[in-house]
Amino acid sequence: MKCIAVPFDQLDPFAVYGICKARQDVFVVEQTCPYPDLDGRDVEPETRHVLLMDDDALFGYARVLDDGDCWRIGRVLLAPEARGRGLADVIMHTALSVSKGRDVVLDAQSPLAPWYATFGFAVSGPEFLEDGIPHTPMRLTR
């Protein structure tokens, strides 16, 4: 298995399809959260797509956005068959390696806030509902 971070213009069409399908499968279907996933930020020049691959199969994903004064990590997911094996740690380490020089923020699904804390993230605001799921804003101060 390998984990890479690349800009949109370096993704081939099959990778883009795999990313869209994985995000749809996890967030829209599994978590029953219909939302406009294609928000225009995927194609921004500074955005990095973190892909956990096993041969040609996408097992995990995260997106790193340039929010100006900080980086933002989002869309963190693992395919169901990859869960429970510590592979999400690999995705986060890769995402953090490309988000150097500035603070990093994310909106954790609240049950996962303790896991994000293991990477140095701290709660930075009150819990809120997004698509019916409790989220906790968190920040890694650098």
N, C-alpha and C. Protein backbone atom coordinates (compact mmCIF):
# COMPACT_ATOMS: atom_id res chain seq x y z
N MET A 1 0.84 -1.18 0.00
CA MET A 1 0.00 0.00 0.00
C MET A 1 0.88 1.24 0.00
N LYS A 2 0.42 2.28 -0.72
CA LYS A 2 1.16 3.53 -0.73
C LYS A 2 0.18 4.68 -0.55
N CYS A 3 0.68 5.78 0.01
CA CYS A 3 -0.13 6.96 0.23
C CYS A 3 0.58 8.13 -0.43
N ILE A 4 -0.12 8.82 -1.32
CA ILE A 4 0.46 9.94 -2.05
C ILE A 4 -0.44 11.16 -1.92
N ALA A 5 0.14 12.33 -2.15
CA ALA A 5 -0.62 13.58 -2.17
C ALA A 5 -0.29 14.30 -3.46
N VAL A 6 -1.32 14.59 -4.25
CA VAL A 6 -1.10 15.20 -5.55
C VAL A 6 -2.14 16.28 -5.82
N PRO A 7 -1.79 17.27 -6.68
CA PRO A 7 -2.78 18.25 -7.11
C PRO A 7 -3.74 17.62 -8.12
N PHE A 8 -4.86 18.27 -8.33
CA PHE A 8 -5.90 17.74 -9.22
C PHE A 8 -5.37 17.47 -10.62
N ASP A 9 -4.54 18.38 -11.14
CA ASP A 9 -4.09 18.23 -12.53
C ASP A 9 -3.13 17.06 -12.74
N GLN A 10 -2.74 16.39 -11.65
CA GLN A 10 -1.91 15.19 -11.78
C GLN A 10 -2.70 13.90 -11.58
N LEU A 11 -4.00 14.04 -11.38
CA LEU A 11 -4.86 12.86 -11.23
C LEU A 11 -5.34 12.42 -12.60
N ASP A 12 -5.29 11.11 -12.86
CA ASP A 12 -5.84 10.63 -14.13
C ASP A 12 -7.36 10.46 -13.96
N PRO A 13 -8.08 10.31 -15.05
CA PRO A 13 -9.54 10.21 -14.96
C PRO A 13 -10.03 9.07 -14.07
N PHE A 14 -9.30 7.97 -14.03
CA PHE A 14 -9.72 6.84 -13.20
C PHE A 14 -9.57 7.17 -11.71
N ALA A 15 -8.53 7.94 -11.37
CA ALA A 15 -8.35 8.36 -9.98
C ALA A 15 -9.46 9.33 -9.57
N VAL A 16 -9.79 10.27 -10.44
CA VAL A 16 -10.88 11.22 -10.15
C VAL A 16 -12.19 10.46 -9.94
N TYR A 17 -12.47 9.50 -10.81
CA TYR A 17 -13.68 8.69 -10.67
C TYR A 17 -13.66 7.95 -9.33
N GLY A 18 -12.53 7.35 -8.97
CA GLY A 18 -12.41 6.62 -7.71
C GLY A 18 -12.63 7.52 -6.50
N ILE A 19 -12.09 8.73 -6.56
CA ILE A 19 -12.28 9.69 -5.46
C ILE A 19 -13.75 10.06 -5.33
N CYS A 20 -14.37 10.44 -6.45
CA CYS A 20 -15.78 10.82 -6.42
C CYS A 20 -16.65 9.69 -5.91
N LYS A 21 -16.37 8.47 -6.38
CA LYS A 21 -17.16 7.32 -5.95
C LYS A 21 -16.97 7.04 -4.46
N ALA A 22 -15.74 7.10 -3.97
CA ALA A 22 -15.48 6.85 -2.55
C ALA A 22 -16.17 7.90 -1.68
N ARG A 23 -16.07 9.16 -2.06
CA ARG A 23 -16.71 10.21 -1.27
C ARG A 23 -18.23 10.05 -1.29
N GLN A 24 -18.79 9.70 -2.43
CA GLN A 24 -20.22 9.46 -2.53
C GLN A 24 -20.63 8.25 -1.70
N ASP A 25 -19.89 7.15 -1.82
CA ASP A 25 -20.23 5.93 -1.08
C ASP A 25 -20.23 6.16 0.43
N VAL A 26 -19.21 6.87 0.94
CA VAL A 26 -19.09 7.05 2.38
C VAL A 26 -20.01 8.15 2.90
N PHE A 27 -19.90 9.34 2.32
CA PHE A 27 -20.62 10.48 2.90
C PHE A 27 -22.09 10.55 2.48
N VAL A 28 -22.39 10.31 1.23
CA VAL A 28 -23.76 10.45 0.75
C VAL A 28 -24.58 9.19 1.03
N VAL A 29 -24.03 8.02 0.71
CA VAL A 29 -24.80 6.78 0.86
C VAL A 29 -24.70 6.23 2.28
N GLU A 30 -23.50 5.92 2.75
CA GLU A 30 -23.34 5.29 4.07
C GLU A 30 -23.81 6.20 5.20
N GLN A 31 -23.42 7.49 5.14
CA GLN A 31 -23.79 8.40 6.22
C GLN A 31 -25.07 9.18 5.93
N THR A 32 -25.71 8.86 4.83
CA THR A 32 -26.97 9.47 4.39
C THR A 32 -26.96 10.99 4.50
N CYS A 33 -25.94 11.59 3.92
CA CYS A 33 -25.79 13.04 3.92
C CYS A 33 -25.70 13.57 2.50
N PRO A 34 -26.83 13.75 1.84
CA PRO A 34 -26.77 14.33 0.49
C PRO A 34 -26.33 15.78 0.59
N TYR A 35 -25.24 16.10 -0.05
CA TYR A 35 -24.70 17.46 -0.02
C TYR A 35 -23.94 17.67 -1.32
N PRO A 36 -23.69 18.93 -1.70
CA PRO A 36 -22.96 19.20 -2.94
C PRO A 36 -21.46 18.95 -2.77
N ASP A 37 -21.06 17.71 -2.98
CA ASP A 37 -19.66 17.31 -2.78
C ASP A 37 -18.72 18.06 -3.72
N LEU A 38 -19.11 18.24 -4.95
CA LEU A 38 -18.26 18.93 -5.92
C LEU A 38 -18.44 20.43 -5.73
N ASP A 39 -17.60 21.00 -4.87
CA ASP A 39 -17.74 22.38 -4.43
C ASP A 39 -16.78 23.36 -5.11
N GLY A 40 -16.04 22.88 -6.11
CA GLY A 40 -15.09 23.74 -6.81
C GLY A 40 -13.71 23.81 -6.20
N ARG A 41 -13.54 23.30 -5.01
CA ARG A 41 -12.25 23.40 -4.32
C ARG A 41 -11.27 22.30 -4.73
N ASP A 42 -11.78 21.21 -5.28
CA ASP A 42 -10.89 20.11 -5.70
C ASP A 42 -9.87 20.56 -6.72
N VAL A 43 -10.24 21.48 -7.58
CA VAL A 43 -9.39 21.87 -8.70
C VAL A 43 -8.49 23.07 -8.40
N GLU A 44 -8.58 23.65 -7.21
CA GLU A 44 -7.73 24.79 -6.87
C GLU A 44 -6.26 24.35 -6.92
N PRO A 45 -5.38 25.21 -7.41
CA PRO A 45 -3.97 24.82 -7.62
C PRO A 45 -3.25 24.32 -6.36
N GLU A 46 -3.59 24.85 -5.19
CA GLU A 46 -2.89 24.43 -3.96
C GLU A 46 -3.53 23.23 -3.28
N THR A 47 -4.72 22.81 -3.71
CA THR A 47 -5.38 21.66 -3.11
C THR A 47 -4.55 20.40 -3.38
N ARG A 48 -4.43 19.58 -2.35
CA ARG A 48 -3.76 18.29 -2.49
C ARG A 48 -4.75 17.19 -2.16
N HIS A 49 -4.74 16.16 -2.99
CA HIS A 49 -5.59 15.00 -2.80
C HIS A 49 -4.70 13.88 -2.27
N VAL A 50 -5.04 13.39 -1.10
CA VAL A 50 -4.28 12.34 -0.44
C VAL A 50 -4.98 11.02 -0.74
N LEU A 51 -4.26 10.13 -1.42
CA LEU A 51 -4.84 8.86 -1.84
C LEU A 51 -4.05 7.70 -1.21
N LEU A 52 -4.76 6.83 -0.53
CA LEU A 52 -4.18 5.60 -0.02
C LEU A 52 -4.55 4.50 -1.00
N MET A 53 -3.55 4.00 -1.70
CA MET A 53 -3.77 3.06 -2.80
C MET A 53 -3.17 1.70 -2.50
N ASP A 54 -3.84 0.68 -2.97
CA ASP A 54 -3.31 -0.67 -3.00
C ASP A 54 -3.45 -1.13 -4.45
N ASP A 55 -2.32 -1.15 -5.14
CA ASP A 55 -2.33 -1.31 -6.60
C ASP A 55 -3.19 -0.20 -7.19
N ASP A 56 -4.26 -0.53 -7.90
CA ASP A 56 -5.11 0.50 -8.50
C ASP A 56 -6.36 0.80 -7.67
N ALA A 57 -6.49 0.18 -6.52
CA ALA A 57 -7.69 0.36 -5.70
C ALA A 57 -7.49 1.47 -4.68
N LEU A 58 -8.46 2.38 -4.59
CA LEU A 58 -8.43 3.46 -3.61
C LEU A 58 -9.02 2.95 -2.30
N PHE A 59 -8.20 2.94 -1.25
CA PHE A 59 -8.64 2.46 0.06
C PHE A 59 -8.94 3.60 1.02
N GLY A 60 -8.36 4.78 0.78
CA GLY A 60 -8.60 5.91 1.66
C GLY A 60 -8.30 7.20 0.96
N TYR A 61 -8.79 8.29 1.55
CA TYR A 61 -8.69 9.58 0.89
C TYR A 61 -8.80 10.70 1.93
N ALA A 62 -8.17 11.83 1.62
CA ALA A 62 -8.38 13.09 2.34
C ALA A 62 -8.07 14.21 1.37
N ARG A 63 -8.61 15.38 1.68
CA ARG A 63 -8.35 16.55 0.85
C ARG A 63 -7.74 17.63 1.72
N VAL A 64 -6.67 18.25 1.22
CA VAL A 64 -5.99 19.33 1.94
C VAL A 64 -6.20 20.61 1.13
N LEU A 65 -6.84 21.60 1.76
CA LEU A 65 -7.15 22.87 1.11
C LEU A 65 -6.29 24.00 1.67
N ASP A 66 -5.97 24.94 0.82
CA ASP A 66 -5.27 26.16 1.23
C ASP A 66 -6.33 27.20 1.56
N ASP A 67 -6.50 27.49 2.85
CA ASP A 67 -7.48 28.48 3.29
C ASP A 67 -6.83 29.84 3.56
N GLY A 68 -5.63 30.06 3.02
CA GLY A 68 -4.97 31.35 3.18
C GLY A 68 -4.09 31.39 4.40
N ASP A 69 -4.67 31.65 5.56
CA ASP A 69 -3.88 31.73 6.79
C ASP A 69 -3.65 30.37 7.43
N CYS A 70 -4.32 29.34 6.93
CA CYS A 70 -4.16 27.99 7.46
C CYS A 70 -4.48 26.98 6.37
N TRP A 71 -4.17 25.72 6.64
CA TRP A 71 -4.56 24.61 5.79
C TRP A 71 -5.82 24.00 6.37
N ARG A 72 -6.64 23.38 5.55
CA ARG A 72 -7.85 22.70 6.01
C ARG A 72 -7.85 21.27 5.47
N ILE A 73 -7.97 20.31 6.39
CA ILE A 73 -8.08 18.90 6.01
C ILE A 73 -9.55 18.51 6.09
N GLY A 74 -10.02 17.82 5.06
CA GLY A 74 -11.40 17.38 5.05
C GLY A 74 -11.58 16.16 4.17
N ARG A 75 -12.81 15.71 4.10
CA ARG A 75 -13.19 14.55 3.29
C ARG A 75 -12.36 13.30 3.64
N VAL A 76 -11.95 13.18 4.91
CA VAL A 76 -11.14 12.04 5.34
C VAL A 76 -12.04 10.80 5.37
N LEU A 77 -11.60 9.74 4.68
CA LEU A 77 -12.41 8.53 4.64
C LEU A 77 -11.54 7.29 4.42
N LEU A 78 -12.11 6.18 4.80
CA LEU A 78 -11.56 4.86 4.49
C LEU A 78 -12.67 4.01 3.91
N ALA A 79 -12.34 3.22 2.91
CA ALA A 79 -13.30 2.25 2.39
C ALA A 79 -13.62 1.26 3.52
N PRO A 80 -14.84 0.75 3.57
CA PRO A 80 -15.21 -0.16 4.65
C PRO A 80 -14.24 -1.32 4.85
N GLU A 81 -13.72 -1.88 3.77
CA GLU A 81 -12.81 -3.02 3.88
C GLU A 81 -11.43 -2.64 4.42
N ALA A 82 -11.13 -1.35 4.52
CA ALA A 82 -9.83 -0.90 5.02
C ALA A 82 -9.88 -0.44 6.47
N ARG A 83 -11.05 -0.42 7.05
CA ARG A 83 -11.20 0.11 8.41
C ARG A 83 -10.69 -0.87 9.47
N GLY A 84 -10.29 -0.28 10.60
CA GLY A 84 -9.85 -1.09 11.73
C GLY A 84 -8.44 -1.62 11.62
N ARG A 85 -7.66 -1.09 10.68
CA ARG A 85 -6.30 -1.58 10.47
C ARG A 85 -5.25 -0.49 10.66
N GLY A 86 -5.65 0.68 11.19
CA GLY A 86 -4.70 1.77 11.42
C GLY A 86 -4.34 2.56 10.17
N LEU A 87 -5.04 2.33 9.08
CA LEU A 87 -4.68 2.98 7.82
C LEU A 87 -5.07 4.46 7.78
N ALA A 88 -6.04 4.86 8.59
CA ALA A 88 -6.40 6.28 8.63
C ALA A 88 -5.23 7.11 9.15
N ASP A 89 -4.41 6.52 10.02
CA ASP A 89 -3.22 7.23 10.51
C ASP A 89 -2.29 7.57 9.35
N VAL A 90 -2.15 6.66 8.41
CA VAL A 90 -1.28 6.89 7.25
C VAL A 90 -1.79 8.07 6.44
N ILE A 91 -3.09 8.12 6.25
CA ILE A 91 -3.69 9.23 5.50
C ILE A 91 -3.43 10.55 6.21
N MET A 92 -3.64 10.59 7.51
CA MET A 92 -3.43 11.84 8.26
C MET A 92 -1.97 12.26 8.26
N HIS A 93 -1.06 11.32 8.44
CA HIS A 93 0.37 11.68 8.41
C HIS A 93 0.74 12.28 7.04
N THR A 94 0.21 11.70 5.98
CA THR A 94 0.50 12.23 4.64
C THR A 94 -0.12 13.62 4.48
N ALA A 95 -1.37 13.80 4.91
CA ALA A 95 -2.02 15.11 4.82
C ALA A 95 -1.25 16.16 5.61
N LEU A 96 -0.78 15.79 6.78
CA LEU A 96 -0.02 16.75 7.60
C LEU A 96 1.34 17.05 6.99
N SER A 97 1.92 16.11 6.27
CA SER A 97 3.23 16.34 5.67
C SER A 97 3.17 17.35 4.53
N VAL A 98 2.01 17.49 3.89
CA VAL A 98 1.89 18.46 2.80
C VAL A 98 1.33 19.80 3.27
N SER A 99 0.93 19.88 4.51
CA SER A 99 0.35 21.11 5.05
C SER A 99 1.32 21.77 6.02
N LYS A 100 2.49 22.08 5.51
CA LYS A 100 3.55 22.63 6.37
C LYS A 100 3.47 24.15 6.44
N GLY A 101 4.03 24.68 7.52
CA GLY A 101 4.24 26.11 7.63
C GLY A 101 3.12 26.93 8.23
N ARG A 102 1.93 26.36 8.32
CA ARG A 102 0.79 27.09 8.87
C ARG A 102 -0.03 26.17 9.75
N ASP A 103 -0.90 26.77 10.54
CA ASP A 103 -1.83 25.97 11.32
C ASP A 103 -2.70 25.14 10.38
N VAL A 104 -3.26 24.07 10.93
CA VAL A 104 -4.15 23.20 10.17
C VAL A 104 -5.47 23.11 10.94
N VAL A 105 -6.58 23.24 10.22
CA VAL A 105 -7.90 23.14 10.84
C VAL A 105 -8.68 22.01 10.18
N LEU A 106 -9.66 21.54 10.91
CA LEU A 106 -10.59 20.54 10.37
C LEU A 106 -11.85 20.56 11.20
N ASP A 107 -12.90 20.03 10.63
CA ASP A 107 -14.16 19.84 11.35
C ASP A 107 -14.35 18.34 11.51
N ALA A 108 -14.01 17.85 12.71
CA ALA A 108 -14.06 16.41 12.98
C ALA A 108 -15.48 15.97 13.25
N GLN A 109 -15.86 14.82 12.73
CA GLN A 109 -17.08 14.22 13.23
C GLN A 109 -16.80 13.96 14.71
N SER A 110 -17.66 14.46 15.57
CA SER A 110 -17.36 14.53 17.00
C SER A 110 -16.85 13.24 17.63
N PRO A 111 -17.37 12.06 17.29
CA PRO A 111 -16.82 10.85 17.89
C PRO A 111 -15.34 10.62 17.53
N LEU A 112 -14.86 11.26 16.46
CA LEU A 112 -13.47 11.08 16.03
C LEU A 112 -12.54 12.15 16.58
N ALA A 113 -13.06 13.11 17.33
CA ALA A 113 -12.21 14.18 17.88
C ALA A 113 -11.05 13.64 18.71
N PRO A 114 -11.25 12.62 19.56
CA PRO A 114 -10.11 12.09 20.31
C PRO A 114 -9.02 11.51 19.41
N TRP A 115 -9.41 10.91 18.30
CA TRP A 115 -8.42 10.38 17.36
C TRP A 115 -7.62 11.51 16.74
N TYR A 116 -8.30 12.58 16.29
CA TYR A 116 -7.59 13.73 15.73
C TYR A 116 -6.66 14.36 16.77
N ALA A 117 -7.05 14.32 18.03
CA ALA A 117 -6.20 14.87 19.10
C ALA A 117 -4.86 14.15 19.18
N THR A 118 -4.81 12.88 18.76
CA THR A 118 -3.54 12.15 18.80
C THR A 118 -2.53 12.73 17.82
N PHE A 119 -2.99 13.55 16.88
CA PHE A 119 -2.10 14.21 15.92
C PHE A 119 -1.77 15.64 16.35
N GLY A 120 -2.25 16.04 17.52
CA GLY A 120 -1.97 17.38 18.04
C GLY A 120 -3.10 18.38 17.85
N PHE A 121 -4.23 17.95 17.30
CA PHE A 121 -5.37 18.86 17.12
C PHE A 121 -6.06 19.08 18.47
N ALA A 122 -6.53 20.33 18.68
CA ALA A 122 -7.27 20.69 19.88
C ALA A 122 -8.60 21.30 19.46
N VAL A 123 -9.61 21.10 20.29
CA VAL A 123 -10.92 21.68 20.02
C VAL A 123 -10.78 23.20 19.96
N SER A 124 -11.38 23.81 18.93
CA SER A 124 -11.22 25.25 18.74
C SER A 124 -12.55 26.00 18.67
N GLY A 125 -13.64 25.33 19.00
CA GLY A 125 -14.94 25.98 18.97
C GLY A 125 -16.01 25.01 19.41
N PRO A 126 -17.24 25.50 19.48
CA PRO A 126 -18.34 24.65 19.94
C PRO A 126 -18.76 23.63 18.88
N GLU A 127 -19.28 22.53 19.37
CA GLU A 127 -19.80 21.49 18.49
C GLU A 127 -20.97 22.05 17.68
N PHE A 128 -21.11 21.57 16.45
CA PHE A 128 -22.21 22.01 15.58
C PHE A 128 -22.68 20.82 14.76
N LEU A 129 -23.89 20.95 14.22
CA LEU A 129 -24.44 19.91 13.35
C LEU A 129 -24.18 20.27 11.90
N GLU A 130 -23.66 19.31 11.15
CA GLU A 130 -23.53 19.45 9.71
C GLU A 130 -24.14 18.21 9.09
N ASP A 131 -25.15 18.40 8.28
CA ASP A 131 -25.88 17.30 7.66
C ASP A 131 -26.39 16.31 8.71
N GLY A 132 -26.78 16.83 9.87
CA GLY A 132 -27.33 15.99 10.93
C GLY A 132 -26.31 15.23 11.75
N ILE A 133 -25.02 15.47 11.49
CA ILE A 133 -23.95 14.77 12.22
C ILE A 133 -23.21 15.79 13.08
N PRO A 134 -23.03 15.50 14.39
CA PRO A 134 -22.27 16.42 15.24
C PRO A 134 -20.81 16.50 14.79
N HIS A 135 -20.32 17.73 14.66
CA HIS A 135 -18.93 18.00 14.28
C HIS A 135 -18.28 18.91 15.32
N THR A 136 -16.98 18.77 15.47
CA THR A 136 -16.21 19.58 16.39
C THR A 136 -15.09 20.27 15.62
N PRO A 137 -15.05 21.61 15.63
CA PRO A 137 -13.93 22.29 14.97
C PRO A 137 -12.65 22.08 15.77
N MET A 138 -11.55 21.81 15.05
CA MET A 138 -10.28 21.53 15.71
C MET A 138 -9.15 22.26 14.96
N ARG A 139 -8.08 22.56 15.69
CA ARG A 139 -6.94 23.26 15.11
C ARG A 139 -5.65 22.64 15.62
N LEU A 140 -4.71 22.49 14.71
CA LEU A 140 -3.34 22.11 15.04
C LEU A 140 -2.52 23.38 14.90
N THR A 141 -2.01 23.89 16.00
CA THR A 141 -1.23 25.12 15.99
C THR A 141 0.23 24.79 15.75
N ARG A 142 0.79 25.49 14.77
CA ARG A 142 2.21 25.25 14.44
C ARG A 142 3.01 26.48 14.74
